[in-house]
Amino acid sequence: MERIVEFMAMGGYGTYVWPAFGVVLAVMALLWFASMRGWRKSELDLRALRESRRQEEIAKE
């Protein structure tokens, strides 16, 4: 148990290291969520454009 506490303290720098890891994880999670949201929106836009094009082709015939 003492080794874990020593590891978490990181020679006195643990108070800086662990919050930095937390910030990095939070930023990466936000970027992932934003990317997935943008990807889904792009997929919906592409689907709508394809359907619109399909309707135009049918109307031309």
N, C-alpha and C. Protein backbone atom coordinates (compact mmCIF):
# COMPACT_ATOMS: atom_id res chain seq x y z
N MET A 1 0.83 -1.20 0.00
CA MET A 1 0.00 0.00 0.00
C MET A 1 0.87 1.26 0.00
N GLU A 2 1.98 1.18 0.67
CA GLU A 2 2.87 2.33 0.77
C GLU A 2 3.47 2.67 -0.60
N ARG A 3 3.71 1.64 -1.41
CA ARG A 3 4.28 1.87 -2.74
C ARG A 3 3.28 2.61 -3.64
N ILE A 4 2.01 2.29 -3.47
CA ILE A 4 0.99 2.97 -4.27
C ILE A 4 0.92 4.45 -3.90
N VAL A 5 0.97 4.73 -2.61
CA VAL A 5 0.95 6.11 -2.15
C VAL A 5 2.17 6.87 -2.68
N GLU A 6 3.33 6.21 -2.66
CA GLU A 6 4.54 6.83 -3.18
C GLU A 6 4.40 7.11 -4.68
N PHE A 7 3.83 6.13 -5.39
CA PHE A 7 3.64 6.31 -6.82
C PHE A 7 2.70 7.49 -7.10
N MET A 8 1.59 7.56 -6.37
CA MET A 8 0.62 8.62 -6.57
C MET A 8 1.23 9.99 -6.23
N ALA A 9 2.13 10.04 -5.27
CA ALA A 9 2.77 11.30 -4.88
C ALA A 9 3.79 11.74 -5.93
N MET A 10 4.37 10.79 -6.65
CA MET A 10 5.34 11.05 -7.72
C MET A 10 6.44 12.00 -7.28
N GLY A 11 6.99 11.72 -6.13
CA GLY A 11 8.12 12.52 -5.65
C GLY A 11 7.74 13.97 -5.36
N GLY A 12 6.51 14.20 -5.00
CA GLY A 12 6.06 15.56 -4.69
C GLY A 12 5.40 16.27 -5.87
N TYR A 13 5.46 15.68 -7.05
CA TYR A 13 4.88 16.31 -8.24
C TYR A 13 3.49 15.78 -8.57
N GLY A 14 2.99 14.88 -7.79
CA GLY A 14 1.69 14.27 -8.05
C GLY A 14 0.55 15.29 -8.07
N THR A 15 0.68 16.35 -7.28
CA THR A 15 -0.38 17.36 -7.26
C THR A 15 -0.46 18.12 -8.59
N TYR A 16 0.59 18.04 -9.40
CA TYR A 16 0.59 18.68 -10.72
C TYR A 16 0.29 17.67 -11.83
N VAL A 17 0.83 16.48 -11.65
CA VAL A 17 0.73 15.47 -12.71
C VAL A 17 -0.70 14.96 -12.85
N TRP A 18 -1.33 14.57 -11.76
CA TRP A 18 -2.66 13.95 -11.85
C TRP A 18 -3.73 14.91 -12.37
N PRO A 19 -3.77 16.16 -11.93
CA PRO A 19 -4.73 17.08 -12.55
C PRO A 19 -4.44 17.31 -14.04
N ALA A 20 -3.17 17.29 -14.41
CA ALA A 20 -2.83 17.45 -15.83
C ALA A 20 -3.38 16.28 -16.63
N PHE A 21 -3.24 15.06 -16.10
CA PHE A 21 -3.83 13.90 -16.77
C PHE A 21 -5.35 14.07 -16.88
N GLY A 22 -5.98 14.56 -15.82
CA GLY A 22 -7.42 14.77 -15.84
C GLY A 22 -7.85 15.77 -16.90
N VAL A 23 -7.11 16.85 -17.01
CA VAL A 23 -7.42 17.87 -18.03
C VAL A 23 -7.27 17.29 -19.42
N VAL A 24 -6.18 16.55 -19.64
CA VAL A 24 -5.96 15.94 -20.95
C VAL A 24 -7.09 14.97 -21.29
N LEU A 25 -7.47 14.13 -20.36
CA LEU A 25 -8.56 13.19 -20.60
C LEU A 25 -9.87 13.92 -20.90
N ALA A 26 -10.15 14.99 -20.17
CA ALA A 26 -11.38 15.75 -20.40
C ALA A 26 -11.37 16.39 -21.79
N VAL A 27 -10.25 16.97 -22.18
CA VAL A 27 -10.16 17.60 -23.50
C VAL A 27 -10.31 16.56 -24.60
N MET A 28 -9.65 15.42 -24.42
CA MET A 28 -9.75 14.36 -25.43
C MET A 28 -11.18 13.84 -25.54
N ALA A 29 -11.86 13.71 -24.41
CA ALA A 29 -13.25 13.26 -24.43
C ALA A 29 -14.14 14.28 -25.15
N LEU A 30 -13.92 15.56 -24.88
CA LEU A 30 -14.70 16.60 -25.55
C LEU A 30 -14.44 16.60 -27.06
N LEU A 31 -13.19 16.43 -27.45
CA LEU A 31 -12.87 16.36 -28.87
C LEU A 31 -13.51 15.15 -29.54
N TRP A 32 -13.52 14.04 -28.83
CA TRP A 32 -14.15 12.83 -29.38
C TRP A 32 -15.65 13.05 -29.56
N PHE A 33 -16.30 13.60 -28.54
CA PHE A 33 -17.74 13.85 -28.65
C PHE A 33 -18.04 14.84 -29.77
N ALA A 34 -17.25 15.89 -29.89
CA ALA A 34 -17.46 16.88 -30.95
C ALA A 34 -17.25 16.25 -32.32
N SER A 35 -16.23 15.40 -32.44
CA SER A 35 -15.97 14.74 -33.72
C SER A 35 -17.10 13.80 -34.10
N MET A 36 -17.58 13.04 -33.14
CA MET A 36 -18.69 12.11 -33.42
C MET A 36 -19.96 12.88 -33.80
N ARG A 37 -20.18 13.98 -33.13
CA ARG A 37 -21.36 14.80 -33.44
C ARG A 37 -21.26 15.37 -34.85
N GLY A 38 -20.09 15.88 -35.22
CA GLY A 38 -19.87 16.40 -36.56
C GLY A 38 -19.99 15.31 -37.61
N TRP A 39 -19.46 14.13 -37.31
CA TRP A 39 -19.54 13.01 -38.23
C TRP A 39 -21.00 12.62 -38.49
N ARG A 40 -21.78 12.54 -37.42
CA ARG A 40 -23.20 12.20 -37.57
C ARG A 40 -23.93 13.25 -38.40
N LYS A 41 -23.64 14.52 -38.16
CA LYS A 41 -24.27 15.59 -38.93
C LYS A 41 -23.88 15.48 -40.40
N SER A 42 -22.61 15.20 -40.66
CA SER A 42 -22.15 15.04 -42.05
C SER A 42 -22.84 13.86 -42.72
N GLU A 43 -23.01 12.78 -42.00
CA GLU A 43 -23.71 11.62 -42.55
C GLU A 43 -25.15 11.96 -42.91
N LEU A 44 -25.82 12.70 -42.04
CA LEU A 44 -27.21 13.10 -42.31
C LEU A 44 -27.28 14.04 -43.50
N ASP A 45 -26.34 14.98 -43.58
CA ASP A 45 -26.31 15.90 -44.72
C ASP A 45 -26.07 15.15 -46.03
N LEU A 46 -25.14 14.20 -46.00
CA LEU A 46 -24.84 13.41 -47.19
C LEU A 46 -26.06 12.59 -47.61
N ARG A 47 -26.73 12.01 -46.65
CA ARG A 47 -27.93 11.22 -46.95
C ARG A 47 -29.00 12.10 -47.58
N ALA A 48 -29.16 13.31 -47.05
CA ALA A 48 -30.16 14.24 -47.60
C ALA A 48 -29.78 14.66 -49.02
N LEU A 49 -28.51 14.92 -49.26
CA LEU A 49 -28.06 15.30 -50.60
C LEU A 49 -28.27 14.17 -51.60
N ARG A 50 -27.97 12.96 -51.19
CA ARG A 50 -28.17 11.81 -52.08
C ARG A 50 -29.64 11.63 -52.41
N GLU A 51 -30.49 11.79 -51.41
CA GLU A 51 -31.93 11.66 -51.65
C GLU A 51 -32.43 12.76 -52.57
N SER A 52 -31.93 13.98 -52.36
CA SER A 52 -32.31 15.10 -53.23
C SER A 52 -31.89 14.84 -54.67
N ARG A 53 -30.68 14.33 -54.82
CA ARG A 53 -30.19 14.03 -56.17
C ARG A 53 -31.01 12.92 -56.82
N ARG A 54 -31.36 11.94 -56.03
CA ARG A 54 -32.19 10.84 -56.53
C ARG A 54 -33.55 11.36 -57.00
N GLN A 55 -34.12 12.27 -56.23
CA GLN A 55 -35.42 12.85 -56.59
C GLN A 55 -35.30 13.67 -57.88
N GLU A 56 -34.20 14.41 -58.03
CA GLU A 56 -33.99 15.19 -59.27
C GLU A 56 -33.85 14.30 -60.49
N GLU A 57 -33.15 13.18 -60.33
CA GLU A 57 -32.99 12.24 -61.44
C GLU A 57 -34.32 11.61 -61.84
N ILE A 58 -35.13 11.30 -60.85
CA ILE A 58 -36.45 10.73 -61.14
C ILE A 58 -37.33 11.75 -61.84
N ALA A 59 -37.23 13.02 -61.43
CA ALA A 59 -38.05 14.08 -62.03
C ALA A 59 -37.64 14.33 -63.48
N LYS A 60 -36.38 14.12 -63.82
CA LYS A 60 -35.91 14.35 -65.18
C LYS A 60 -36.44 13.30 -66.15
N GLU A 61 -36.72 12.12 -65.65
CA GLU A 61 -37.16 11.02 -66.52
C GLU A 61 -38.56 11.17 -66.97
